[in-house]
N, C-alpha and C. Protein backbone atom coordinates (compact mmCIF):
# COMPACT_ATOMS: atom_id res chain seq x y z
N UNK A 1 0.85 -1.24 0.16
CA UNK A 1 0.11 -0.36 0.00
C UNK A 1 0.76 1.10 -0.03
N UNK A 2 0.80 2.23 -1.27
CA UNK A 2 1.11 3.27 -0.89
C UNK A 2 0.49 4.64 -0.61
N UNK A 3 1.48 5.20 0.09
CA UNK A 3 0.50 6.50 1.26
C UNK A 3 1.13 7.23 0.95
N UNK A 4 0.56 8.53 1.33
CA UNK A 4 1.24 10.05 0.79
C UNK A 4 0.35 10.74 2.19
N UNK A 5 1.19 11.55 3.01
CA UNK A 5 0.90 11.83 3.93
C UNK A 5 1.18 13.15 4.02
N UNK A 6 0.49 14.05 4.60
CA UNK A 6 0.91 15.89 5.25
C UNK A 6 0.72 16.03 6.07
N UNK A 7 1.09 17.12 6.74
CA UNK A 7 1.19 17.75 8.10
C UNK A 7 1.40 19.08 8.38
N UNK A 8 0.45 20.10 8.15
CA UNK A 8 0.71 21.54 8.83
C UNK A 8 0.13 21.78 9.89
N UNK A 9 -0.02 20.68 10.83
CA UNK A 9 -1.33 21.35 11.24
C UNK A 9 -0.76 22.59 12.94
N UNK A 10 0.32 22.66 13.30
CA UNK A 10 1.00 22.54 14.04
C UNK A 10 2.47 23.50 13.88
N UNK A 11 3.41 23.09 14.81
CA UNK A 11 4.71 24.03 14.53
C UNK A 11 5.53 22.94 13.67
N UNK A 12 5.32 22.73 12.54
CA UNK A 12 5.92 21.75 11.72
C UNK A 12 5.56 21.50 10.44
N UNK A 13 6.23 21.13 9.34
CA UNK A 13 5.38 21.06 8.17
C UNK A 13 6.19 19.81 7.24
N UNK A 14 5.34 18.81 7.12
CA UNK A 14 6.08 17.74 6.70
C UNK A 14 5.53 16.68 5.84
N UNK A 15 5.69 16.47 4.82
CA UNK A 15 5.24 15.04 3.87
C UNK A 15 6.24 13.91 3.61
N UNK A 16 5.37 12.87 3.83
CA UNK A 16 6.14 11.52 3.45
C UNK A 16 5.51 10.82 2.48
N UNK A 17 6.28 9.84 1.95
CA UNK A 17 5.27 8.96 0.95
C UNK A 17 6.00 7.20 1.87
N UNK A 18 5.16 6.54 1.88
CA UNK A 18 4.99 5.55 2.82
C UNK A 18 4.43 4.29 2.15
N UNK A 19 5.67 3.35 2.13
CA UNK A 19 4.97 2.08 1.14
C UNK A 19 5.17 0.64 2.59
N UNK A 20 3.94 -0.25 2.96
CA UNK A 20 5.07 -1.26 3.77
C UNK A 20 4.93 -1.43 4.42
N UNK A 21 5.03 0.02 5.67
CA UNK A 21 6.50 -0.07 6.73
C UNK A 21 7.70 0.86 6.48
N UNK A 22 7.64 0.80 5.10
CA UNK A 22 8.99 1.85 4.61
C UNK A 22 8.93 3.46 3.81
N UNK A 23 9.87 4.56 4.70
CA UNK A 23 9.78 5.52 4.74
C UNK A 23 10.22 5.54 2.94
N UNK A 24 9.58 5.75 2.16
CA UNK A 24 10.26 5.72 0.37
C UNK A 24 10.79 7.40 0.34
N UNK A 25 10.30 9.06 0.96
CA UNK A 25 10.95 9.73 0.86
C UNK A 25 9.88 10.22 1.65
N UNK A 26 10.62 11.82 2.52
CA UNK A 26 10.30 11.98 3.61
C UNK A 26 10.89 14.22 3.28
N UNK A 27 9.92 14.67 3.70
CA UNK A 27 10.36 16.00 4.03
C UNK A 27 10.02 16.58 5.24
N UNK A 28 10.87 16.95 5.73
CA UNK A 28 10.25 17.95 7.23
C UNK A 28 10.88 18.94 7.80
N UNK A 29 10.24 20.00 8.15
CA UNK A 29 10.74 21.08 8.44
C UNK A 29 9.88 22.07 9.62
N UNK A 30 10.04 22.42 10.91
CA UNK A 30 9.63 22.94 12.14
C UNK A 30 9.89 24.54 11.32
N UNK A 31 8.62 25.03 11.33
CA UNK A 31 8.46 26.38 11.53
C UNK A 31 6.60 26.85 12.18
N UNK A 32 6.96 27.77 12.55
CA UNK A 32 6.14 28.40 13.69
C UNK A 32 5.10 28.46 12.37
N UNK A 33 5.46 29.50 11.19
CA UNK A 33 4.15 29.83 10.32
C UNK A 33 5.29 29.28 8.84
N UNK A 34 4.09 29.90 7.80
CA UNK A 34 4.85 29.67 6.47
C UNK A 34 4.28 28.42 6.03
N UNK A 35 3.47 27.47 6.53
CA UNK A 35 3.33 26.50 5.83
C UNK A 35 2.56 26.06 4.52
N UNK A 36 1.78 27.23 4.31
CA UNK A 36 1.32 27.45 2.66
C UNK A 36 1.92 27.38 1.94
N UNK A 37 3.23 28.07 2.31
CA UNK A 37 4.54 28.29 0.76
C UNK A 37 5.23 27.16 0.89
N UNK A 38 5.54 26.60 2.06
CA UNK A 38 6.00 25.09 1.72
C UNK A 38 5.25 23.73 1.66
N UNK A 39 4.24 23.45 2.11
CA UNK A 39 4.11 22.08 2.33
C UNK A 39 3.56 21.59 0.57
N UNK A 40 3.10 22.18 -0.20
CA UNK A 40 2.86 21.66 -1.47
C UNK A 40 4.49 21.39 -2.42
N UNK A 41 5.35 22.43 -2.36
CA UNK A 41 6.76 21.88 -2.41
C UNK A 41 7.37 21.06 -1.97
N UNK A 42 7.05 20.39 -0.69
CA UNK A 42 7.44 19.43 0.02
C UNK A 42 6.80 18.42 -0.56
N UNK A 43 5.29 18.34 -0.76
CA UNK A 43 4.56 17.17 -1.35
C UNK A 43 5.51 16.89 -2.88
N UNK A 44 5.37 18.14 -4.01
CA UNK A 44 6.27 17.57 -4.85
C UNK A 44 7.53 16.96 -5.10
N UNK A 45 8.40 17.47 -3.72
CA UNK A 45 9.52 16.61 -3.96
C UNK A 45 9.51 15.15 -3.37
N UNK A 46 8.93 15.18 -2.56
CA UNK A 46 8.74 13.56 -2.51
C UNK A 46 8.18 12.60 -3.42
N UNK A 47 7.33 13.40 -4.03
CA UNK A 47 7.17 12.24 -5.15
C UNK A 47 8.04 12.19 -6.11
N UNK A 48 8.97 13.29 -6.55
CA UNK A 48 9.87 13.56 -7.12
C UNK A 48 10.78 12.54 -6.89
N UNK A 49 11.29 12.68 -5.65
CA UNK A 49 12.15 11.68 -5.01
C UNK A 49 11.95 10.23 -5.08
N UNK A 50 10.86 10.22 -5.11
CA UNK A 50 10.40 8.83 -4.98
C UNK A 50 10.59 8.14 -6.69
N UNK A 51 10.15 9.05 -7.90
CA UNK A 51 9.97 8.61 -9.26
C UNK A 51 8.50 8.15 -9.09
N UNK A 52 7.31 8.78 -8.46
CA UNK A 52 6.15 8.21 -8.34
C UNK A 52 4.94 9.34 -8.43
N UNK A 53 4.42 9.05 -9.66
CA UNK A 53 3.10 9.82 -10.06
C UNK A 53 1.76 9.47 -9.18
N UNK A 54 0.88 10.88 -8.79
CA UNK A 54 0.18 10.79 -7.91
C UNK A 54 -0.83 9.78 -8.26
N UNK A 55 -0.61 8.97 -9.43
CA UNK A 55 -2.21 8.02 -9.95
C UNK A 55 -1.96 6.74 -8.95
N UNK A 56 -0.32 6.47 -8.84
CA UNK A 56 -0.11 5.26 -8.26
C UNK A 56 0.04 5.34 -6.38
N UNK A 57 -0.52 6.30 -6.06
CA UNK A 57 -0.74 6.69 -4.94
C UNK A 57 -2.04 5.76 -4.51
N UNK A 58 -2.24 5.00 -3.42
CA UNK A 58 -3.22 4.28 -2.83
C UNK A 58 -3.84 5.13 -1.56
N UNK A 59 -3.47 6.02 -1.06
CA UNK A 59 -4.58 6.51 0.15
C UNK A 59 -3.54 7.90 0.49
N UNK A 60 -4.24 8.64 0.55
CA UNK A 60 -3.48 9.90 0.98
C UNK A 60 -4.08 10.61 2.48
N UNK A 61 -3.12 10.66 3.47
CA UNK A 61 -3.56 10.70 4.42
C UNK A 61 -2.99 12.20 5.13
N UNK A 62 -3.79 13.06 6.27
CA UNK A 62 -3.15 14.07 6.97
C UNK A 62 -3.67 14.72 8.04
N UNK A 63 -3.16 15.23 8.72
CA UNK A 63 -3.51 15.10 9.85
C UNK A 63 -4.81 16.35 10.14
N UNK A 64 -5.53 16.55 11.06
CA UNK A 64 -6.65 17.07 11.25
C UNK A 64 -6.83 17.84 12.24
N UNK A 65 -5.57 18.16 13.10
CA UNK A 65 -5.85 18.86 14.37
C UNK A 65 -6.15 17.97 16.04
N UNK A 66 -5.89 18.51 16.67
CA UNK A 66 -5.86 20.07 17.12
C UNK A 66 -4.68 20.30 16.77
N UNK A 67 -4.78 22.06 16.57
CA UNK A 67 -3.32 22.45 16.36
C UNK A 67 -3.47 23.96 15.80
N UNK A 68 -3.00 24.76 15.02
CA UNK A 68 -3.14 25.92 14.42
C UNK A 68 -4.59 26.30 13.63
N UNK A 69 -5.57 26.79 14.13
CA UNK A 69 -6.59 27.16 12.74
C UNK A 69 -6.36 26.75 11.67
N UNK A 70 -5.22 27.78 11.10
CA UNK A 70 -4.80 28.04 9.95
C UNK A 70 -4.03 26.78 8.61
N UNK A 71 -3.69 26.07 10.19
CA UNK A 71 -2.42 25.19 9.54
C UNK A 71 -3.33 23.95 9.19
N UNK A 72 -3.90 23.23 9.88
CA UNK A 72 -5.35 22.79 9.78
C UNK A 72 -5.86 23.05 8.54
N UNK A 73 -6.18 23.96 8.31
CA UNK A 73 -6.66 24.45 6.96
C UNK A 73 -6.32 23.84 5.59
N UNK A 74 -5.12 24.80 6.15
CA UNK A 74 -3.68 24.17 4.78
C UNK A 74 -3.48 22.93 4.95
N UNK A 75 -3.45 21.85 5.58
CA UNK A 75 -3.58 20.77 5.57
C UNK A 75 -4.59 20.07 4.90
N UNK A 76 -5.80 20.10 5.23
CA UNK A 76 -6.95 19.51 4.73
C UNK A 76 -7.40 19.99 3.48
N UNK A 77 -6.76 21.43 3.04
CA UNK A 77 -7.26 21.75 1.75
C UNK A 77 -6.85 21.20 0.33
N UNK A 78 -5.22 20.90 1.02
CA UNK A 78 -4.61 20.54 0.27
C UNK A 78 -4.58 19.03 -0.43
N UNK A 79 -5.02 18.42 1.11
CA UNK A 79 -5.13 17.00 0.92
C UNK A 79 -6.25 16.74 0.20
N UNK A 80 -7.30 17.51 0.38
CA UNK A 80 -8.41 16.90 -0.51
C UNK A 80 -8.49 17.10 -2.00
N UNK A 81 -7.79 18.48 -2.03
CA UNK A 81 -7.71 18.97 -3.50
C UNK A 81 -6.52 17.51 -4.18
N UNK A 82 -5.76 17.21 -3.34
CA UNK A 82 -4.83 16.29 -4.38
C UNK A 82 -5.85 15.12 -4.29
N UNK A 83 -5.86 14.63 -3.17
CA UNK A 83 -7.31 13.32 -3.31
C UNK A 83 -7.80 13.16 -4.17
N UNK A 84 -9.10 14.55 -4.55
CA UNK A 84 -9.85 14.78 -5.68
C UNK A 84 -9.19 14.62 -7.21
N UNK A 85 -8.07 15.15 -7.11
CA UNK A 85 -7.66 14.95 -8.13
C UNK A 85 -7.35 13.96 -9.02
N UNK A 86 -6.36 12.99 -8.04
CA UNK A 86 -6.11 11.89 -8.25
C UNK A 86 -7.44 10.88 -8.01
N UNK A 87 -8.36 11.32 -7.59
CA UNK A 87 -9.49 10.43 -7.37
C UNK A 87 -9.14 8.77 -6.74
N UNK A 88 -8.35 9.63 -5.43
CA UNK A 88 -8.07 8.74 -3.90
C UNK A 88 -8.52 8.96 -2.61
N UNK A 89 -8.40 8.20 -2.04
CA UNK A 89 -9.49 7.85 -0.77
C UNK A 89 -8.42 8.93 0.22
N UNK A 90 -8.85 9.49 1.19
CA UNK A 90 -8.12 10.34 2.03
C UNK A 90 -8.58 9.82 3.46
N UNK A 91 -8.23 9.77 4.58
CA UNK A 91 -7.45 9.67 5.49
C UNK A 91 -7.47 10.57 6.38
N UNK A 92 -7.83 11.05 7.43
CA UNK A 92 -7.83 11.90 8.53
C UNK A 92 -7.36 11.13 10.05
N UNK A 93 -6.19 11.78 10.73
CA UNK A 93 -5.33 11.08 11.84
C UNK A 93 -5.15 12.13 12.62
N UNK A 94 -5.42 11.92 14.01
CA UNK A 94 -4.99 13.78 15.02
C UNK A 94 -3.68 13.83 15.22
N UNK A 95 -3.21 14.94 15.46
CA UNK A 95 -2.41 15.08 16.03
C UNK A 95 -1.80 14.24 17.13
N UNK A 96 -2.65 14.36 18.45
CA UNK A 96 -2.19 13.82 19.45
C UNK A 96 -2.07 12.48 19.13
N UNK A 97 -2.27 11.64 18.54
CA UNK A 97 -2.24 10.06 17.79
C UNK A 97 -1.04 10.49 17.26
N UNK A 98 -0.48 11.30 16.61
CA UNK A 98 0.05 11.18 15.45
C UNK A 98 1.77 11.56 16.27
N UNK A 99 1.66 12.05 17.58
CA UNK A 99 2.91 12.13 18.42
C UNK A 99 3.15 11.22 19.34
N UNK A 100 2.16 10.67 19.73
CA UNK A 100 2.57 9.53 20.45
C UNK A 100 3.00 8.79 19.64
N UNK A 101 2.38 8.30 18.60
CA UNK A 101 3.09 7.18 17.61
C UNK A 101 4.92 7.10 17.46
N UNK A 102 4.87 8.71 17.51
CA UNK A 102 6.64 8.48 17.15
C UNK A 102 7.42 8.19 18.63
N UNK A 103 6.62 8.38 19.63
CA UNK A 103 7.69 7.65 20.97
C UNK A 103 7.67 6.29 20.80
N UNK A 104 9.05 5.76 20.86
CA UNK A 104 9.61 4.32 20.78
C UNK A 104 9.40 3.97 21.85
N UNK A 105 8.88 2.60 21.05
CA UNK A 105 7.78 1.59 22.37
C UNK A 105 8.67 1.15 23.31
N UNK A 106 10.18 1.09 23.68
CA UNK A 106 11.10 0.89 24.92
C UNK A 106 10.87 2.32 25.74
N UNK A 107 10.45 3.59 25.51
CA UNK A 107 10.41 4.70 26.18
C UNK A 107 8.65 4.70 26.84
N UNK A 108 7.82 3.76 26.43
CA UNK A 108 6.51 3.97 26.65
C UNK A 108 6.69 3.03 27.73
N UNK A 109 6.63 2.02 27.59
CA UNK A 109 6.91 0.76 28.21
C UNK A 109 6.60 0.79 29.94
N UNK A 110 5.41 0.75 30.43
CA UNK A 110 4.91 0.73 31.32
C UNK A 110 4.88 1.84 32.06
N UNK A 111 5.00 2.76 31.03
CA UNK A 111 4.55 4.26 30.94
C UNK A 111 2.69 4.94 30.52
N UNK A 112 2.43 5.62 31.04
CA UNK A 112 0.98 6.56 30.66
C UNK A 112 1.92 7.39 29.93
N UNK A 113 1.18 7.52 28.58
CA UNK A 113 1.54 8.53 27.72
C UNK A 113 0.60 9.68 27.86
N UNK A 114 1.51 10.48 28.03
CA UNK A 114 0.16 12.11 27.66
C UNK A 114 0.79 13.07 26.57
N UNK A 115 0.13 13.36 25.90
CA UNK A 115 0.25 14.09 24.64
C UNK A 115 -0.14 15.86 24.71
N UNK A 116 0.92 16.25 24.58
CA UNK A 116 0.46 18.08 25.59
C UNK A 116 1.00 19.01 24.22
N UNK A 117 -0.32 19.24 23.40
CA UNK A 117 0.02 20.61 22.48
C UNK A 117 0.06 21.68 22.85
N UNK A 118 0.96 22.61 22.29
CA UNK A 118 0.73 23.94 22.82
C UNK A 118 -0.35 24.53 21.76
N UNK A 119 -1.44 25.30 22.32
CA UNK A 119 -2.43 26.07 21.58
C UNK A 119 -1.95 27.61 21.79
N UNK A 120 -0.90 28.00 22.13
CA UNK A 120 -0.72 29.59 22.06
C UNK A 120 -1.55 29.81 23.02
N UNK A 121 -2.56 29.59 24.11
CA UNK A 121 -3.22 30.07 24.63
C UNK A 121 -2.60 29.92 26.18
N UNK A 122 -3.89 29.73 27.04
CA UNK A 122 -3.79 29.39 28.67
C UNK A 122 -3.98 27.81 28.52
N UNK A 123 -4.68 27.45 27.56
CA UNK A 123 -4.87 26.18 27.87
C UNK A 123 -4.20 25.06 27.02
N UNK A 124 -4.29 23.96 27.32
CA UNK A 124 -3.25 23.03 26.63
C UNK A 124 -3.79 22.01 25.74
N UNK A 125 -3.75 21.53 25.01
CA UNK A 125 -4.45 20.37 24.25
C UNK A 125 -3.92 19.26 24.87
N UNK A 126 -4.65 18.02 25.50
CA UNK A 126 -3.90 16.77 25.67
C UNK A 126 -4.99 16.07 25.62
N UNK A 127 -3.65 14.57 25.62
CA UNK A 127 -4.80 13.52 25.49
C UNK A 127 -3.59 12.53 25.99
N UNK A 128 -4.44 11.71 26.84
CA UNK A 128 -3.72 10.50 27.81
C UNK A 128 -3.71 9.24 26.30
N UNK A 129 -2.66 8.56 27.07
CA UNK A 129 -2.77 7.17 26.08
C UNK A 129 -2.23 5.62 27.24
N UNK A 130 -2.39 4.68 26.75
CA UNK A 130 -1.36 3.93 27.53
C UNK A 130 -0.46 3.44 26.82
N UNK A 131 0.26 2.53 27.54
CA UNK A 131 1.93 2.23 26.89
C UNK A 131 1.72 1.94 25.83
N UNK A 132 0.57 1.16 25.44
CA UNK A 132 0.33 0.23 23.54
C UNK A 132 -0.24 1.49 22.98
N UNK A 133 -0.56 2.79 23.27
CA UNK A 133 -1.27 3.63 22.54
C UNK A 133 -2.38 3.92 22.38
N UNK A 134 -3.15 3.04 23.43
CA UNK A 134 -4.43 2.62 23.27
C UNK A 134 -5.21 3.75 24.01
N UNK A 135 -5.85 5.14 23.70
CA UNK A 135 -6.36 6.02 23.83
C UNK A 135 -7.35 6.54 25.29
N UNK A 136 -7.21 6.62 26.51
CA UNK A 136 -7.39 6.86 27.66
C UNK A 136 -8.53 7.77 27.90
N UNK A 137 -8.54 8.66 26.84
CA UNK A 137 -10.52 8.98 27.34
C UNK A 137 -9.84 10.35 25.93
N UNK A 138 -10.96 11.23 25.56
CA UNK A 138 -10.95 12.24 24.73
C UNK A 138 -9.67 13.48 24.38
N UNK A 139 -9.91 13.82 23.41
CA UNK A 139 -8.78 15.06 23.34
C UNK A 139 -9.12 16.03 24.17
N UNK A 140 -8.31 17.03 25.60
CA UNK A 140 -9.47 18.00 25.97
C UNK A 140 -8.55 18.89 26.27
N UNK A 141 -9.13 20.08 26.25
CA UNK A 141 -8.35 21.41 26.25
C UNK A 141 -8.27 21.79 28.14
N UNK A 142 -7.02 21.90 28.32
CA UNK A 142 -6.91 22.07 30.23
C UNK A 142 -5.73 23.12 30.34
N UNK A 143 -5.84 23.55 31.61
CA UNK A 143 -4.77 24.68 31.55
C UNK A 143 -3.62 23.57 32.20
N UNK A 144 -2.31 24.05 32.64
CA UNK A 144 -1.55 23.17 32.47
C UNK A 144 -1.54 22.02 34.02
N UNK A 145 -2.08 22.72 35.17
CA UNK A 145 -2.68 22.30 36.46
C UNK A 145 -3.78 21.09 36.19
N UNK A 146 -4.76 21.24 35.23
CA UNK A 146 -5.75 20.65 35.16
C UNK A 146 -5.00 19.14 34.41
N UNK A 147 -3.97 19.58 33.51
CA UNK A 147 -3.42 18.14 32.84
C UNK A 147 -2.53 17.81 33.59
N UNK A 148 -2.04 18.32 34.39
CA UNK A 148 -1.50 17.27 35.24
C UNK A 148 -2.39 16.10 36.81
N UNK A 149 -3.32 16.82 36.85
CA UNK A 149 -4.36 16.25 37.54
C UNK A 149 -4.97 14.86 37.04
N UNK A 150 -5.08 14.90 35.49
CA UNK A 150 -5.14 14.03 34.85
C UNK A 150 -4.73 12.48 34.65
N UNK A 151 -3.32 12.89 35.12
CA UNK A 151 -2.47 11.58 35.65
C UNK A 151 -1.76 11.66 36.93
N UNK A 152 -2.67 12.14 37.65
CA UNK A 152 -1.37 12.31 39.03
C UNK A 152 -1.79 11.19 39.85
N UNK A 153 -2.74 10.04 39.16
CA UNK A 153 -2.54 8.81 39.96
C UNK A 153 -2.38 7.95 39.36
N UNK A 154 -1.64 7.75 38.05
CA UNK A 154 -1.36 7.06 37.06
C UNK A 154 -0.33 6.04 36.69
N UNK A 155 0.77 5.94 38.04
CA UNK A 155 2.11 5.99 37.51
C UNK A 155 2.64 6.64 36.90
N UNK A 156 3.54 6.01 36.65
CA UNK A 156 4.74 6.68 35.33
C UNK A 156 4.45 7.40 34.36
N UNK A 157 4.20 8.42 34.18
CA UNK A 157 4.07 9.17 33.00
C UNK A 157 5.43 9.52 32.44
N UNK A 158 4.97 9.75 30.85
CA UNK A 158 5.95 9.82 29.74
C UNK A 158 5.57 10.88 29.34
N UNK A 159 5.99 12.09 28.86
CA UNK A 159 4.88 13.18 28.11
C UNK A 159 5.92 13.55 26.47
N UNK A 160 4.68 14.10 25.62
CA UNK A 160 5.34 14.24 24.56
C UNK A 160 4.77 15.34 23.91
N UNK A 161 5.11 15.98 23.06
CA UNK A 161 4.79 17.49 22.53
C UNK A 161 5.42 18.69 22.88
N UNK A 162 5.15 19.36 21.61
CA UNK A 162 5.45 20.73 22.17
C UNK A 162 4.87 21.41 23.23
N UNK A 163 3.88 21.09 24.09
CA UNK A 163 3.81 22.19 25.42
C UNK A 163 4.01 20.87 26.13
N UNK A 164 4.99 19.69 26.20
CA UNK A 164 5.26 18.86 27.37
C UNK A 164 5.59 19.54 28.79
N UNK A 165 6.76 20.43 28.18
CA UNK A 165 7.55 20.85 29.07
C UNK A 165 6.57 21.97 30.14
N UNK A 166 5.48 22.42 29.83
CA UNK A 166 4.23 23.27 30.38
C UNK A 166 3.95 22.16 31.85
N UNK A 167 4.01 21.16 31.39
CA UNK A 167 2.84 19.94 32.60
C UNK A 167 4.33 19.80 33.28
N UNK A 168 5.56 19.41 32.59
CA UNK A 168 6.54 18.68 33.14
C UNK A 168 7.12 18.66 34.79
N UNK A 169 6.72 20.30 35.35
CA UNK A 169 7.14 20.62 36.47
C UNK A 169 6.44 20.64 36.96
N UNK A 170 4.99 19.99 37.00
CA UNK A 170 3.91 19.99 37.86
C UNK A 170 3.57 18.32 38.08
N UNK A 171 4.55 17.27 37.53
CA UNK A 171 4.70 16.14 37.78
C UNK A 171 5.59 15.00 37.93
N UNK A 172 6.30 15.44 39.27
CA UNK A 172 7.38 15.54 39.93
C UNK A 172 7.74 13.48 39.39
N UNK A 173 8.51 13.15 38.50
CA UNK A 173 8.90 12.16 38.41
C UNK A 173 8.74 11.76 36.44
N UNK A 174 8.14 12.36 36.41
CA UNK A 174 7.62 12.16 35.12
C UNK A 174 8.93 12.65 33.86
N UNK A 175 8.69 11.89 32.85
CA UNK A 175 10.09 11.91 32.04
C UNK A 175 9.52 12.93 30.68
N UNK A 176 10.09 13.52 29.93
CA UNK A 176 10.19 13.30 28.74
C UNK A 176 10.89 12.77 27.24
N UNK A 177 9.79 12.48 26.31
CA UNK A 177 10.15 11.52 25.31
C UNK A 177 11.23 12.11 24.40
N UNK A 178 12.00 11.30 23.93
CA UNK A 178 13.06 11.39 23.11
C UNK A 178 12.98 12.44 22.43
N UNK A 179 11.52 12.45 21.53
CA UNK A 179 11.04 12.69 20.42
C UNK A 179 11.23 14.45 20.45
N UNK A 180 10.82 15.06 19.50
CA UNK A 180 11.21 16.31 19.22
C UNK A 180 9.87 16.84 19.44
N UNK A 181 8.73 16.70 19.53
CA UNK A 181 7.09 16.59 19.93
C UNK A 181 6.51 17.08 18.87
N UNK A 182 7.07 17.45 17.54
CA UNK A 182 6.21 17.55 16.24
C UNK A 182 5.33 16.65 15.75
N UNK A 183 4.32 16.83 14.78
CA UNK A 183 3.94 15.78 14.10
C UNK A 183 4.68 15.55 13.30
N UNK A 184 4.83 14.45 12.52
CA UNK A 184 5.38 14.26 11.03
C UNK A 184 4.44 13.36 10.63
N UNK A 185 5.11 13.62 9.47
CA UNK A 185 3.79 13.09 8.05
C UNK A 185 3.96 11.29 8.05
N UNK A 186 5.35 10.92 9.02
CA UNK A 186 5.75 9.46 8.43
C UNK A 186 4.37 8.84 9.48
N UNK A 187 4.13 9.76 10.97
CA UNK A 187 3.62 8.68 11.52
C UNK A 187 1.81 8.66 11.21
N UNK A 188 1.82 9.83 10.48
CA UNK A 188 0.37 10.16 9.89
C UNK A 188 0.32 8.97 8.61
N UNK A 189 1.17 8.75 7.80
CA UNK A 189 1.13 7.36 7.29
C UNK A 189 0.85 6.26 7.73
N UNK A 190 1.56 6.47 8.79
CA UNK A 190 1.69 4.93 9.66
C UNK A 190 0.49 4.37 10.08
N UNK A 191 -0.23 5.38 11.00
CA UNK A 191 -1.47 5.13 11.77
C UNK A 191 -2.42 4.97 10.38
N UNK A 192 -2.38 5.80 9.44
CA UNK A 192 -3.82 5.52 8.55
C UNK A 192 -3.34 4.15 7.93
N UNK A 193 -2.04 3.64 7.73
CA UNK A 193 -1.96 2.01 7.39
C UNK A 193 -2.78 1.58 7.96
N UNK A 194 -2.47 1.96 9.50
CA UNK A 194 -2.83 0.81 10.54
C UNK A 194 -4.46 0.67 10.25
N UNK A 195 -5.15 1.76 10.53
CA UNK A 195 -6.42 1.97 10.60
C UNK A 195 -7.37 1.90 8.91
N UNK A 196 -6.99 2.42 8.36
CA UNK A 196 -7.74 2.28 7.14
C UNK A 196 -8.53 0.95 6.61
N UNK A 197 -8.17 -0.33 6.89
CA UNK A 197 -8.59 -1.26 6.72
C UNK A 197 -9.76 -1.74 7.04
N UNK A 198 -9.78 -1.03 8.65
CA UNK A 198 -10.94 -1.12 9.08
C UNK A 198 -12.43 -0.23 9.16
N UNK A 199 -11.94 0.77 8.84
CA UNK A 199 -12.94 1.63 8.21
C UNK A 199 -12.37 3.22 8.01
N UNK A 200 -13.51 3.99 7.36
CA UNK A 200 -13.23 4.70 7.07
C UNK A 200 -12.54 5.89 8.04
N UNK A 201 -11.30 6.86 7.68
CA UNK A 201 -10.81 7.50 9.06
C UNK A 201 -11.52 9.34 8.62
N UNK A 202 -12.39 10.05 8.94
CA UNK A 202 -12.90 11.01 8.59
C UNK A 202 -11.78 12.26 8.37
N UNK A 203 -12.19 12.79 7.08
CA UNK A 203 -10.58 14.27 7.00
C UNK A 203 -11.29 14.91 7.32
N UNK A 204 -12.04 15.21 8.75
CA UNK A 204 -12.82 16.52 9.24
C UNK A 204 -11.53 17.31 10.14
N UNK A 205 -11.35 18.31 10.36
CA UNK A 205 -10.72 19.37 11.27
C UNK A 205 -11.47 19.40 12.49
N UNK A 206 -10.25 18.80 13.19
CA UNK A 206 -10.88 18.41 14.77
C UNK A 206 -10.16 19.71 15.62
N UNK A 207 -11.53 21.20 15.94
CA UNK A 207 -10.48 21.81 16.21
C UNK A 207 -11.32 21.92 17.95
N UNK A 208 -10.77 22.46 18.81
CA UNK A 208 -11.39 22.79 20.33
C UNK A 208 -11.79 23.62 20.44
N UNK A 209 -11.68 24.86 20.03
CA UNK A 209 -12.19 26.44 20.02
C UNK A 209 -12.11 26.90 18.83
N UNK A 210 -13.34 27.79 18.69
CA UNK A 210 -13.51 28.93 17.41
C UNK A 210 -12.15 29.44 17.31
N UNK A 211 -12.11 29.94 15.71
CA UNK A 211 -10.81 30.52 15.60
C UNK A 211 -10.99 32.18 15.78
N UNK A 212 -9.84 32.41 16.05
CA UNK A 212 -9.46 33.82 16.94
C UNK A 212 -9.98 35.04 15.81
N UNK A 213 -11.14 34.94 15.59
CA UNK A 213 -12.06 35.68 14.10
C UNK A 213 -12.75 37.00 15.19
N UNK A 214 -12.88 37.98 14.74
CA UNK A 214 -13.84 39.41 15.47
C UNK A 214 -14.40 39.43 13.94
N UNK A 215 -15.69 39.40 13.97
CA UNK A 215 -16.30 39.95 12.97
C UNK A 215 -16.71 41.50 12.98
N UNK A 216 -17.17 41.97 11.66
CA UNK A 216 -16.97 43.60 11.62
C UNK A 216 -18.67 43.77 11.88
N UNK A 217 -19.04 44.87 12.64
CA UNK A 217 -20.38 45.11 12.66
C UNK A 217 -20.81 45.69 11.23
N UNK A 218 -22.30 45.67 10.91
CA UNK A 218 -22.90 46.10 10.22
C UNK A 218 -23.06 48.06 10.27
């Protein structure tokens, strides 16, 4: 199965071509903004490196949030356009799941996994997983103190995500994962491959709050 995956939902931008557990080509860059200019050239670079045409792709996958409102829309718009043009299915993957999946299995062993995404506001986007990456609850918007309470009685904790440091000092004994905390299209592809046979993964945006927009008065 050949999967083209995209991410621009957070503080990075990436694209990857994935075939049966092997990363065929990948582009990744950490960036707070600029994903709208970077994403499509990354996709084209990945396809060119692999010598692959869009018609050869079996499935497209994209991160759907939570994350930056504009970044989510950029990724979804690009992925939907590519899927429509190539007449291919499209799967959506939550950013929290992709971040958790990047943590090596050895690090997760016997630990509760907490993914903490920086919302660039007071609240953080948080989801808790078991060591084998089964979600133990939904994604929530929580203050750092509330996030710490969510795993205070869960035993050893490993933290991941670009907001993990904001919670680490509130959880004595918690460890930060060795990963960089960014979403990577490689994990988006990996999760889509594992889950697609079981059913459709809706490519719909996952927003935990409205966009920061003020409507002008008439």
